[in-house]
Amino acid sequence: MIHRTWGGPEQLASSGLCWGAFHRGRALSLACTYFLGSRYEDVAALADPGHRRQHLALACVTALCQDIAARGRTPSWTCSRDNRPSRLLAWSAGFRLIREYVHYATGAARRQAYPGAEAA
């Protein structure tokens, strides 16, 4: 959900930090500031699966990046190294790879049994 960091779609829409491509009132593509920092704004984008490869996301990202630069910040792009569509969109929008990262995650929390814990 592209609006998650804003608290919902209404908050994202009222933030002024989102560009969209619409047809007959329906959003076909969106690009928004996903994380807002003091120097950088991390960009997120999505496109309706039925309207991909029409360069709508690229148009939204390009417009958003122009707005970010006008605010005196630098656009940034973060995605998994395995997310080829995201990497291609970023490259097409002018982003260049600085470094790749490895993302670590844990599974569900497990209850650890400690000797003597039951007696306490």
Protein backbone atom coordinates (compact mmCIF):
# COMPACT_ATOMS: atom_id res chain seq x y z
CA MET A 1 0.00 0.00 0.00
CA ILE A 2 1.64 3.13 -1.24
CA HIS A 3 -0.22 5.27 1.33
CA ARG A 4 0.94 3.28 4.37
CA THR A 5 3.56 5.78 5.59
CA TRP A 6 1.01 8.60 5.37
CA GLY A 7 -1.65 6.91 7.48
CA GLY A 8 -4.10 6.29 4.66
CA PRO A 9 -5.16 7.41 1.20
CA GLU A 10 -6.79 10.64 2.38
CA GLN A 11 -3.63 11.76 4.18
CA LEU A 12 -1.48 10.96 1.16
CA ALA A 13 -3.84 12.83 -1.17
CA SER A 14 -3.78 15.90 1.07
CA SER A 15 0.01 15.81 1.58
CA GLY A 16 0.77 17.47 -1.75
CA LEU A 17 3.58 14.94 -2.19
CA CYS A 18 1.93 12.64 -4.73
CA TRP A 19 1.45 12.66 -8.48
CA GLY A 20 -1.10 10.51 -10.24
CA ALA A 21 -2.30 9.52 -13.69
CA PHE A 22 -6.08 9.16 -13.85
CA HIS A 23 -8.67 8.07 -16.36
CA ARG A 24 -12.34 8.74 -15.70
CA GLY A 25 -11.66 9.31 -12.01
CA ARG A 26 -9.69 6.10 -11.57
CA ALA A 27 -6.02 6.15 -10.56
CA LEU A 28 -3.92 4.25 -13.08
CA SER A 29 -0.54 5.16 -11.62
CA LEU A 30 0.82 6.99 -8.58
CA ALA A 31 4.22 8.24 -7.46
CA CYS A 32 4.68 9.70 -4.00
CA THR A 33 7.19 10.58 -1.37
CA TYR A 34 7.24 7.42 0.74
CA PHE A 35 9.73 8.59 3.36
CA LEU A 36 10.32 12.29 3.94
CA GLY A 37 13.66 13.33 5.39
CA SER A 38 15.40 16.65 5.90
CA ARG A 39 17.60 16.18 2.78
CA TYR A 40 16.05 13.29 0.87
CA GLU A 41 12.60 12.15 -0.19
CA ASP A 42 12.38 8.45 -0.98
CA VAL A 43 10.11 7.85 -3.95
CA ALA A 44 7.56 5.05 -4.31
CA ALA A 45 5.52 4.30 -7.41
CA LEU A 46 2.89 1.89 -8.59
CA ALA A 47 0.83 1.28 -11.68
CA ASP A 48 -2.41 -0.56 -12.23
CA PRO A 49 -1.44 -3.98 -13.67
CA GLY A 50 -3.73 -3.44 -16.66
CA HIS A 51 -2.01 -0.18 -17.57
CA ARG A 52 1.65 -1.00 -17.14
CA ARG A 53 4.18 -0.32 -19.91
CA GLN A 54 2.36 2.88 -20.88
CA HIS A 55 4.96 5.11 -19.17
CA LEU A 56 2.36 6.46 -16.73
CA ALA A 57 4.48 5.63 -13.68
CA LEU A 58 7.50 7.22 -15.36
CA ALA A 59 5.52 10.42 -15.97
CA CYS A 60 4.38 10.49 -12.33
CA VAL A 61 7.89 9.81 -10.99
CA THR A 62 9.40 12.48 -13.26
CA ALA A 63 6.90 15.12 -12.10
CA LEU A 64 7.37 14.16 -8.45
CA CYS A 65 11.16 14.37 -8.75
CA GLN A 66 10.86 17.86 -10.22
CA ASP A 67 8.73 18.87 -7.22
CA ILE A 68 11.21 17.31 -4.80
CA ALA A 69 14.07 19.25 -6.38
CA ALA A 70 12.00 22.46 -6.23
CA ARG A 71 11.62 21.89 -2.48
CA GLY A 72 15.41 21.78 -2.18
CA ARG A 73 15.60 18.05 -1.45
CA THR A 74 17.09 15.14 -3.33
CA PRO A 75 14.91 12.31 -4.66
CA SER A 76 16.08 8.82 -3.66
CA TRP A 77 14.92 5.35 -4.68
CA THR A 78 15.09 2.20 -2.60
CA CYS A 79 14.13 -1.25 -3.79
CA SER A 80 15.18 -4.85 -3.55
CA ARG A 81 17.94 -5.96 -5.87
CA ASP A 82 15.50 -8.60 -7.17
CA ASN A 83 12.77 -6.09 -8.05
CA ARG A 84 13.57 -5.71 -11.75
CA PRO A 85 10.49 -3.60 -12.68
CA SER A 86 11.27 -1.10 -9.92
CA ARG A 87 14.95 -0.93 -10.89
CA LEU A 88 14.04 -0.35 -14.55
CA LEU A 89 11.60 2.41 -13.64
CA ALA A 90 14.20 4.08 -11.43
CA TRP A 91 16.82 3.87 -14.19
CA SER A 92 14.38 5.28 -16.76
CA ALA A 93 13.61 8.18 -14.42
CA GLY A 94 17.30 9.06 -14.13
CA PHE A 95 18.24 7.37 -10.87
CA ARG A 96 21.64 5.67 -10.79
CA LEU A 97 22.75 2.89 -8.48
CA ILE A 98 24.97 4.04 -5.62
CA ARG A 99 25.01 0.80 -3.64
CA GLU A 100 23.06 -2.39 -3.16
CA TYR A 101 21.92 -3.52 0.22
CA VAL A 102 20.94 -6.73 1.87
CA HIS A 103 17.69 -6.76 3.81
CA TYR A 104 17.50 -8.98 6.88
CA ALA A 105 14.27 -10.07 8.53
CA THR A 106 13.22 -12.50 11.20
CA GLY A 107 10.32 -14.85 11.29
CA ALA A 108 7.59 -14.70 13.87
CA ALA A 109 8.79 -14.13 17.41
CA ARG A 110 9.52 -17.37 19.22
CA ARG A 111 9.19 -17.95 22.91
CA GLN A 112 12.56 -18.87 24.33
CA ALA A 113 12.54 -21.41 27.18
CA TYR A 114 15.15 -20.68 29.82
CA PRO A 115 16.15 -23.26 32.42
CA GLY A 116 14.41 -22.50 35.71
CA ALA A 117 12.12 -19.85 34.22
CA GLU A 118 9.00 -21.86 35.03
CA ALA A 119 9.82 -21.86 38.76
CA ALA A 120 9.97 -18.07 38.96
